[in-house]
């Protein structure tokens, strides 16, 4: 069952099993606010079991850097807005991964990692990425990193 993410009244719906559910809900709401404001797109997520294609696409892109996320995915979404293909996966650990893939050749293509407040950097990312801090009214302190996609997906 899909869920429209409300960034005014933040809810942990679908994220209850996360040890940092409140912070992850704030992070999800922060992403929803960005997408809604920048692209006028309603940010809707579904349980991971209903988003196998989106999760598989994200995993293929991550494989470019030989990355495999240990935490189980809770929710995901995939959509196109502004000539960009987006995918978001929210993990039980509090990690959120987004893929931004401009459809036209030569556009921006990157993978972003965001850590919910209160979670440790996952072992699979710790030695390979440095995380910058960003403050959010919805999510508290978010730590984030990214890499540029080189392959075609």
N, C-alpha and C. Protein backbone atom coordinates (compact mmCIF):
# COMPACT_ATOMS: atom_id res chain seq x y z
N UNK A 1 0.84 -1.17 0.00
CA UNK A 1 0.00 0.00 0.00
C UNK A 1 0.89 1.24 0.00
N UNK A 2 0.70 2.12 -0.93
CA UNK A 2 1.54 3.31 -1.01
C UNK A 2 1.11 4.36 0.01
N UNK A 3 2.05 5.24 0.31
CA UNK A 3 1.86 6.25 1.34
C UNK A 3 2.42 7.57 0.83
N UNK A 4 1.57 8.61 0.80
CA UNK A 4 2.02 9.94 0.43
C UNK A 4 2.70 10.54 1.65
N UNK A 5 3.96 10.90 1.51
CA UNK A 5 4.74 11.40 2.65
C UNK A 5 4.33 12.85 2.93
N UNK A 6 3.91 13.08 4.15
CA UNK A 6 3.49 14.40 4.61
C UNK A 6 4.67 15.05 5.32
N UNK A 7 5.13 16.18 4.80
CA UNK A 7 6.28 16.84 5.44
C UNK A 7 5.84 17.95 6.39
N UNK A 8 4.55 18.08 6.61
CA UNK A 8 4.06 19.01 7.62
C UNK A 8 3.82 18.25 8.93
N UNK A 9 3.12 17.13 8.83
CA UNK A 9 2.87 16.26 9.98
C UNK A 9 3.65 14.97 9.78
N UNK A 10 4.87 14.93 10.29
CA UNK A 10 5.78 13.80 10.06
C UNK A 10 5.27 12.56 10.80
N UNK A 11 5.26 11.44 10.08
CA UNK A 11 4.77 10.18 10.63
C UNK A 11 5.79 9.07 10.40
N UNK A 12 5.81 8.12 11.30
CA UNK A 12 6.71 6.96 11.16
C UNK A 12 6.05 5.80 10.43
N UNK A 13 4.90 6.00 9.82
CA UNK A 13 4.19 4.94 9.10
C UNK A 13 5.15 4.24 8.15
N UNK A 14 5.23 2.92 8.27
CA UNK A 14 6.09 2.11 7.41
C UNK A 14 7.53 1.98 7.88
N UNK A 15 7.90 2.77 8.88
CA UNK A 15 9.28 2.79 9.36
C UNK A 15 9.41 2.33 10.81
N UNK A 16 8.35 1.82 11.37
CA UNK A 16 8.29 1.51 12.81
C UNK A 16 9.37 0.54 13.27
N UNK A 17 9.84 -0.36 12.40
CA UNK A 17 10.83 -1.35 12.83
C UNK A 17 12.25 -0.79 12.92
N UNK A 18 12.46 0.43 12.47
CA UNK A 18 13.78 1.04 12.53
C UNK A 18 14.08 1.49 13.96
N UNK A 19 15.32 1.26 14.44
CA UNK A 19 15.68 1.76 15.77
C UNK A 19 15.75 3.29 15.83
N UNK A 20 15.78 3.94 14.69
CA UNK A 20 15.79 5.40 14.61
C UNK A 20 14.58 5.87 13.79
N UNK A 21 13.43 5.26 14.05
CA UNK A 21 12.22 5.51 13.25
C UNK A 21 11.84 6.98 13.18
N UNK A 22 11.90 7.70 14.30
CA UNK A 22 11.52 9.11 14.29
C UNK A 22 12.46 9.93 13.39
N UNK A 23 13.76 9.69 13.52
CA UNK A 23 14.74 10.42 12.71
C UNK A 23 14.62 10.04 11.23
N UNK A 24 14.38 8.75 10.95
CA UNK A 24 14.23 8.30 9.57
C UNK A 24 12.96 8.90 8.96
N UNK A 25 11.90 9.01 9.74
CA UNK A 25 10.67 9.65 9.27
C UNK A 25 10.93 11.11 8.94
N UNK A 26 11.72 11.79 9.76
CA UNK A 26 12.08 13.17 9.48
C UNK A 26 12.91 13.30 8.22
N UNK A 27 13.83 12.36 8.02
CA UNK A 27 14.66 12.35 6.82
C UNK A 27 13.80 12.12 5.58
N UNK A 28 12.87 11.17 5.67
CA UNK A 28 11.96 10.89 4.56
C UNK A 28 11.11 12.13 4.25
N UNK A 29 10.62 12.80 5.28
CA UNK A 29 9.83 14.03 5.10
C UNK A 29 10.68 15.13 4.47
N UNK A 30 11.94 15.23 4.87
CA UNK A 30 12.86 16.22 4.30
C UNK A 30 13.02 15.98 2.79
N UNK A 31 13.18 14.73 2.39
CA UNK A 31 13.30 14.39 0.97
C UNK A 31 12.00 14.71 0.24
N UNK A 32 10.87 14.42 0.87
CA UNK A 32 9.56 14.70 0.26
C UNK A 32 9.38 16.19 0.04
N UNK A 33 9.78 16.99 1.01
CA UNK A 33 9.67 18.44 0.88
C UNK A 33 10.52 18.94 -0.29
N UNK A 34 11.74 18.45 -0.40
CA UNK A 34 12.63 18.86 -1.49
C UNK A 34 12.01 18.52 -2.85
N UNK A 35 11.58 17.28 -3.03
CA UNK A 35 11.02 16.84 -4.31
C UNK A 35 9.74 17.61 -4.64
N UNK A 36 8.90 17.81 -3.65
CA UNK A 36 7.65 18.54 -3.87
C UNK A 36 7.91 19.99 -4.26
N UNK A 37 8.81 20.65 -3.54
CA UNK A 37 9.10 22.05 -3.83
C UNK A 37 9.86 22.25 -5.13
N UNK A 38 10.82 21.39 -5.43
CA UNK A 38 11.67 21.57 -6.61
C UNK A 38 11.00 21.08 -7.90
N UNK A 39 10.28 19.96 -7.81
CA UNK A 39 9.74 19.33 -9.02
C UNK A 39 8.21 19.25 -9.05
N UNK A 40 7.52 19.77 -8.04
CA UNK A 40 6.06 19.71 -7.96
C UNK A 40 5.55 18.27 -8.12
N UNK A 41 6.28 17.33 -7.52
CA UNK A 41 5.94 15.91 -7.58
C UNK A 41 5.51 15.44 -6.19
N UNK A 42 4.40 14.74 -6.12
CA UNK A 42 3.94 14.18 -4.85
C UNK A 42 4.81 12.98 -4.50
N UNK A 43 5.50 13.05 -3.37
CA UNK A 43 6.45 12.01 -2.96
C UNK A 43 5.68 10.89 -2.27
N UNK A 44 5.59 9.76 -2.95
CA UNK A 44 4.84 8.61 -2.46
C UNK A 44 5.79 7.42 -2.34
N UNK A 45 5.73 6.73 -1.21
CA UNK A 45 6.56 5.55 -1.00
C UNK A 45 5.67 4.33 -0.84
N UNK A 46 6.26 3.16 -1.07
CA UNK A 46 5.56 1.89 -0.89
C UNK A 46 6.47 0.95 -0.12
N UNK A 47 5.89 -0.08 0.50
CA UNK A 47 6.74 -1.07 1.17
C UNK A 47 7.73 -1.67 0.19
N UNK A 48 8.89 -2.05 0.70
CA UNK A 48 9.95 -2.60 -0.15
C UNK A 48 9.45 -3.80 -0.96
N UNK A 49 8.57 -4.60 -0.39
CA UNK A 49 8.06 -5.78 -1.09
C UNK A 49 7.30 -5.41 -2.37
N UNK A 50 6.80 -4.18 -2.46
CA UNK A 50 6.07 -3.73 -3.63
C UNK A 50 6.95 -2.94 -4.60
N UNK A 51 8.21 -2.73 -4.25
CA UNK A 51 9.11 -1.92 -5.06
C UNK A 51 10.37 -2.69 -5.48
N UNK A 52 10.20 -3.96 -5.79
CA UNK A 52 11.36 -4.80 -6.13
C UNK A 52 12.15 -4.25 -7.31
N UNK A 53 11.46 -3.71 -8.32
CA UNK A 53 12.17 -3.18 -9.50
C UNK A 53 13.02 -1.96 -9.14
N UNK A 54 12.47 -1.06 -8.34
CA UNK A 54 13.22 0.14 -7.93
C UNK A 54 14.44 -0.24 -7.11
N UNK A 55 14.27 -1.17 -6.17
CA UNK A 55 15.37 -1.60 -5.32
C UNK A 55 16.43 -2.32 -6.15
N UNK A 56 16.01 -3.14 -7.10
CA UNK A 56 16.96 -3.83 -7.97
C UNK A 56 17.77 -2.84 -8.80
N UNK A 57 17.12 -1.77 -9.29
CA UNK A 57 17.83 -0.75 -10.07
C UNK A 57 18.87 -0.04 -9.20
N UNK A 58 18.49 0.33 -7.98
CA UNK A 58 19.43 0.97 -7.06
C UNK A 58 20.60 0.03 -6.78
N UNK A 59 20.31 -1.25 -6.56
CA UNK A 59 21.38 -2.22 -6.29
C UNK A 59 22.32 -2.38 -7.48
N UNK A 60 21.79 -2.31 -8.71
CA UNK A 60 22.66 -2.38 -9.90
C UNK A 60 23.58 -1.17 -9.96
N UNK A 61 23.06 0.00 -9.64
CA UNK A 61 23.89 1.21 -9.65
C UNK A 61 24.95 1.11 -8.54
N UNK A 62 24.57 0.63 -7.36
CA UNK A 62 25.53 0.47 -6.26
C UNK A 62 26.62 -0.53 -6.60
N UNK A 63 26.28 -1.53 -7.40
CA UNK A 63 27.26 -2.55 -7.77
C UNK A 63 28.43 -1.95 -8.57
N UNK A 64 28.20 -0.78 -9.18
CA UNK A 64 29.27 -0.08 -9.89
C UNK A 64 30.45 0.17 -8.96
N UNK A 65 30.17 0.39 -7.70
CA UNK A 65 31.21 0.62 -6.68
C UNK A 65 31.37 -0.58 -5.76
N UNK A 66 30.84 -1.71 -6.17
CA UNK A 66 30.90 -2.95 -5.39
C UNK A 66 30.33 -2.75 -3.99
N UNK A 67 29.20 -2.08 -3.93
CA UNK A 67 28.52 -1.82 -2.66
C UNK A 67 27.29 -2.70 -2.53
N UNK A 68 27.12 -3.27 -1.35
CA UNK A 68 25.93 -4.03 -1.04
C UNK A 68 25.50 -3.61 0.36
N UNK A 69 24.29 -3.13 0.50
CA UNK A 69 23.80 -2.62 1.78
C UNK A 69 23.29 -3.79 2.63
N UNK A 70 23.79 -3.87 3.85
CA UNK A 70 23.46 -4.99 4.73
C UNK A 70 22.06 -4.86 5.33
N UNK A 71 21.63 -3.67 5.60
CA UNK A 71 20.34 -3.45 6.25
C UNK A 71 19.19 -3.74 5.28
N UNK A 72 18.10 -4.32 5.78
CA UNK A 72 16.96 -4.56 4.89
C UNK A 72 16.23 -3.27 4.53
N UNK A 73 15.77 -3.17 3.28
CA UNK A 73 14.99 -2.00 2.88
C UNK A 73 13.58 -2.07 3.47
N UNK A 74 13.07 -0.92 3.89
CA UNK A 74 11.70 -0.86 4.42
C UNK A 74 10.74 -0.30 3.38
N UNK A 75 11.16 0.76 2.70
CA UNK A 75 10.30 1.43 1.73
C UNK A 75 11.14 1.90 0.55
N UNK A 76 10.45 2.11 -0.56
CA UNK A 76 11.14 2.63 -1.74
C UNK A 76 10.14 3.34 -2.64
N UNK A 77 10.70 4.10 -3.57
CA UNK A 77 9.90 4.76 -4.59
C UNK A 77 10.78 5.00 -5.80
N UNK A 78 10.15 5.09 -6.95
CA UNK A 78 10.84 5.43 -8.19
C UNK A 78 9.89 6.25 -9.04
N UNK A 79 10.41 7.30 -9.68
CA UNK A 79 9.58 8.18 -10.49
C UNK A 79 10.47 9.03 -11.39
N UNK A 80 9.83 9.70 -12.35
CA UNK A 80 10.54 10.66 -13.20
C UNK A 80 9.95 12.03 -12.96
N UNK A 81 10.82 13.02 -12.87
CA UNK A 81 10.40 14.41 -12.70
C UNK A 81 11.48 15.31 -13.27
N UNK A 82 11.10 16.30 -14.03
CA UNK A 82 12.05 17.26 -14.58
C UNK A 82 13.12 16.64 -15.46
N UNK A 83 12.79 15.56 -16.17
CA UNK A 83 13.77 14.91 -17.04
C UNK A 83 14.79 14.06 -16.29
N UNK A 84 14.48 13.76 -15.04
CA UNK A 84 15.39 12.98 -14.19
C UNK A 84 14.65 11.75 -13.67
N UNK A 85 15.32 10.62 -13.71
CA UNK A 85 14.79 9.41 -13.10
C UNK A 85 15.31 9.35 -11.66
N UNK A 86 14.40 9.26 -10.71
CA UNK A 86 14.75 9.20 -9.29
C UNK A 86 14.37 7.84 -8.71
N UNK A 87 15.14 7.39 -7.74
CA UNK A 87 14.78 6.24 -6.92
C UNK A 87 15.26 6.53 -5.50
N UNK A 88 14.44 6.20 -4.54
CA UNK A 88 14.77 6.35 -3.13
C UNK A 88 14.52 5.02 -2.45
N UNK A 89 15.44 4.63 -1.56
CA UNK A 89 15.25 3.45 -0.73
C UNK A 89 15.56 3.86 0.70
N UNK A 90 14.64 3.53 1.61
CA UNK A 90 14.79 3.82 3.04
C UNK A 90 15.00 2.49 3.75
N UNK A 91 16.12 2.39 4.48
CA UNK A 91 16.54 1.14 5.11
C UNK A 91 16.24 1.14 6.61
N UNK A 92 16.10 -0.05 7.15
CA UNK A 92 15.80 -0.22 8.58
C UNK A 92 16.84 0.44 9.47
N UNK A 93 18.10 0.45 9.06
CA UNK A 93 19.18 1.02 9.86
C UNK A 93 19.05 2.54 10.04
N UNK A 94 18.27 3.19 9.16
CA UNK A 94 18.16 4.64 9.16
C UNK A 94 18.83 5.27 7.95
N UNK A 95 19.42 4.45 7.10
CA UNK A 95 20.06 4.92 5.87
C UNK A 95 19.00 5.19 4.81
N UNK A 96 19.21 6.26 4.06
CA UNK A 96 18.38 6.55 2.89
C UNK A 96 19.33 6.71 1.70
N UNK A 97 19.01 6.03 0.62
CA UNK A 97 19.81 6.14 -0.60
C UNK A 97 18.90 6.68 -1.68
N UNK A 98 19.42 7.67 -2.42
CA UNK A 98 18.69 8.16 -3.58
C UNK A 98 19.59 8.13 -4.80
N UNK A 99 18.99 7.77 -5.93
CA UNK A 99 19.67 7.80 -7.21
C UNK A 99 19.00 8.87 -8.05
N UNK A 100 19.81 9.78 -8.58
CA UNK A 100 19.34 10.84 -9.46
C UNK A 100 20.03 10.59 -10.80
N UNK A 101 19.24 10.28 -11.83
CA UNK A 101 19.80 9.87 -13.11
C UNK A 101 19.13 10.67 -14.22
N UNK A 102 19.82 11.70 -14.70
CA UNK A 102 19.28 12.52 -15.78
C UNK A 102 19.14 11.66 -17.03
N UNK A 103 17.97 11.73 -17.65
CA UNK A 103 17.67 10.86 -18.78
C UNK A 103 18.50 11.24 -20.01
N UNK A 104 18.66 12.52 -20.28
CA UNK A 104 19.47 12.95 -21.43
C UNK A 104 20.96 12.70 -21.15
N UNK A 105 21.69 12.33 -22.18
CA UNK A 105 23.13 12.14 -22.05
C UNK A 105 23.79 13.43 -21.60
N UNK A 106 24.80 13.31 -20.77
CA UNK A 106 25.56 14.46 -20.32
C UNK A 106 24.99 15.15 -19.10
N UNK A 107 23.87 14.66 -18.59
CA UNK A 107 23.26 15.27 -17.41
C UNK A 107 23.84 14.72 -16.13
N UNK A 108 23.37 15.26 -15.01
CA UNK A 108 23.86 14.82 -13.70
C UNK A 108 23.33 13.43 -13.39
N UNK A 109 24.22 12.61 -12.86
CA UNK A 109 23.87 11.25 -12.44
C UNK A 109 24.68 10.93 -11.20
N UNK A 110 23.98 10.71 -10.10
CA UNK A 110 24.69 10.49 -8.84
C UNK A 110 23.86 9.64 -7.89
N UNK A 111 24.55 9.06 -6.92
CA UNK A 111 23.94 8.32 -5.82
C UNK A 111 24.22 9.10 -4.55
N UNK A 112 23.18 9.34 -3.77
CA UNK A 112 23.34 10.04 -2.50
C UNK A 112 23.05 9.11 -1.34
N UNK A 113 23.84 9.24 -0.28
CA UNK A 113 23.64 8.49 0.95
C UNK A 113 23.30 9.49 2.05
N UNK A 114 22.26 9.24 2.81
CA UNK A 114 21.94 10.10 3.94
C UNK A 114 21.71 9.23 5.16
N UNK A 115 22.32 9.65 6.27
CA UNK A 115 22.22 8.91 7.52
C UNK A 115 21.30 9.65 8.48
N UNK A 116 20.33 8.93 9.03
CA UNK A 116 19.43 9.52 10.01
C UNK A 116 20.20 9.85 11.28
N UNK A 117 19.73 10.88 11.96
CA UNK A 117 20.35 11.26 13.23
C UNK A 117 20.28 10.08 14.20
N UNK A 118 21.39 9.80 14.86
CA UNK A 118 21.44 8.73 15.84
C UNK A 118 21.94 7.39 15.33
N UNK A 119 22.16 7.27 14.04
CA UNK A 119 22.67 5.99 13.51
C UNK A 119 24.16 6.09 13.25
N UNK A 120 24.82 4.96 13.32
CA UNK A 120 26.23 4.87 12.99
C UNK A 120 26.39 4.75 11.48
N UNK A 121 27.55 5.14 10.97
CA UNK A 121 27.84 4.96 9.55
C UNK A 121 27.93 3.46 9.29
N UNK A 122 27.17 2.93 8.32
CA UNK A 122 27.23 1.49 8.04
C UNK A 122 28.65 1.07 7.65
N UNK A 123 29.04 -0.11 8.10
CA UNK A 123 30.40 -0.61 7.86
C UNK A 123 30.75 -0.61 6.37
N UNK A 124 29.76 -0.93 5.51
CA UNK A 124 30.04 -1.01 4.08
C UNK A 124 30.32 0.36 3.45
N UNK A 125 30.01 1.44 4.17
CA UNK A 125 30.25 2.80 3.66
C UNK A 125 31.37 3.53 4.42
N UNK A 126 31.64 3.11 5.64
CA UNK A 126 32.51 3.86 6.56
C UNK A 126 33.90 4.13 5.99
N UNK A 127 34.54 3.14 5.42
CA UNK A 127 35.92 3.31 4.94
C UNK A 127 35.98 3.97 3.56
N UNK A 128 34.85 4.09 2.88
CA UNK A 128 34.88 4.53 1.49
C UNK A 128 34.35 5.94 1.25
N UNK A 129 33.61 6.48 2.23
CA UNK A 129 32.98 7.78 2.03
C UNK A 129 33.16 8.65 3.26
N UNK A 130 33.30 9.94 3.04
CA UNK A 130 33.30 10.92 4.11
C UNK A 130 31.91 11.55 4.11
N UNK A 131 31.38 11.79 5.29
CA UNK A 131 30.03 12.31 5.41
C UNK A 131 30.04 13.73 5.94
N UNK A 132 29.38 14.62 5.21
CA UNK A 132 29.22 16.01 5.64
C UNK A 132 27.94 16.12 6.44
N UNK A 133 27.87 17.12 7.31
CA UNK A 133 26.68 17.33 8.15
C UNK A 133 25.83 18.44 7.56
N UNK A 134 24.53 18.27 7.71
CA UNK A 134 23.55 19.25 7.26
C UNK A 134 22.44 19.26 8.31
N UNK A 135 21.97 20.42 8.67
CA UNK A 135 20.87 20.52 9.63
C UNK A 135 19.56 20.66 8.90
N UNK A 136 18.54 20.01 9.45
CA UNK A 136 17.20 20.04 8.87
C UNK A 136 16.19 20.23 9.98
N UNK A 137 15.21 21.09 9.75
CA UNK A 137 14.14 21.26 10.75
C UNK A 137 13.34 19.98 10.91
N UNK A 138 13.23 19.20 9.85
CA UNK A 138 12.44 17.97 9.90
C UNK A 138 13.24 16.77 10.42
N UNK A 139 14.53 16.73 10.13
CA UNK A 139 15.31 15.52 10.41
C UNK A 139 16.46 15.72 11.39
N UNK A 140 16.62 16.90 11.95
CA UNK A 140 17.75 17.13 12.84
C UNK A 140 19.03 17.21 12.03
N UNK A 141 20.08 16.55 12.51
CA UNK A 141 21.36 16.55 11.79
C UNK A 141 21.40 15.35 10.85
N UNK A 142 21.55 15.64 9.57
CA UNK A 142 21.68 14.61 8.54
C UNK A 142 23.14 14.57 8.13
N UNK A 143 23.70 13.37 8.03
CA UNK A 143 25.04 13.22 7.48
C UNK A 143 24.88 12.63 6.08
N UNK A 144 25.57 13.21 5.11
CA UNK A 144 25.39 12.75 3.75
C UNK A 144 26.68 12.65 2.97
N UNK A 145 26.65 11.83 1.93
CA UNK A 145 27.76 11.67 1.01
C UNK A 145 27.17 11.24 -0.34
N UNK A 146 28.00 11.16 -1.36
CA UNK A 146 27.51 10.77 -2.68
C UNK A 146 28.65 10.26 -3.54
N UNK A 147 28.29 9.66 -4.67
CA UNK A 147 29.27 9.39 -5.72
C UNK A 147 28.60 9.62 -7.07
N UNK A 148 29.40 9.99 -8.06
CA UNK A 148 28.93 10.23 -9.41
C UNK A 148 28.86 8.89 -10.14
N UNK A 149 27.74 8.67 -10.81
CA UNK A 149 27.54 7.43 -11.57
C UNK A 149 28.30 7.54 -12.89
N UNK A 150 29.06 6.49 -13.20
CA UNK A 150 29.84 6.48 -14.43
C UNK A 150 29.21 5.63 -15.52
N UNK A 151 28.50 4.57 -15.13
CA UNK A 151 27.92 3.65 -16.10
C UNK A 151 26.58 4.11 -16.64
N UNK A 152 26.02 3.31 -17.53
CA UNK A 152 24.71 3.56 -18.12
C UNK A 152 23.70 2.61 -17.49
N UNK A 153 22.63 3.18 -16.96
CA UNK A 153 21.61 2.36 -16.31
C UNK A 153 20.24 2.74 -16.79
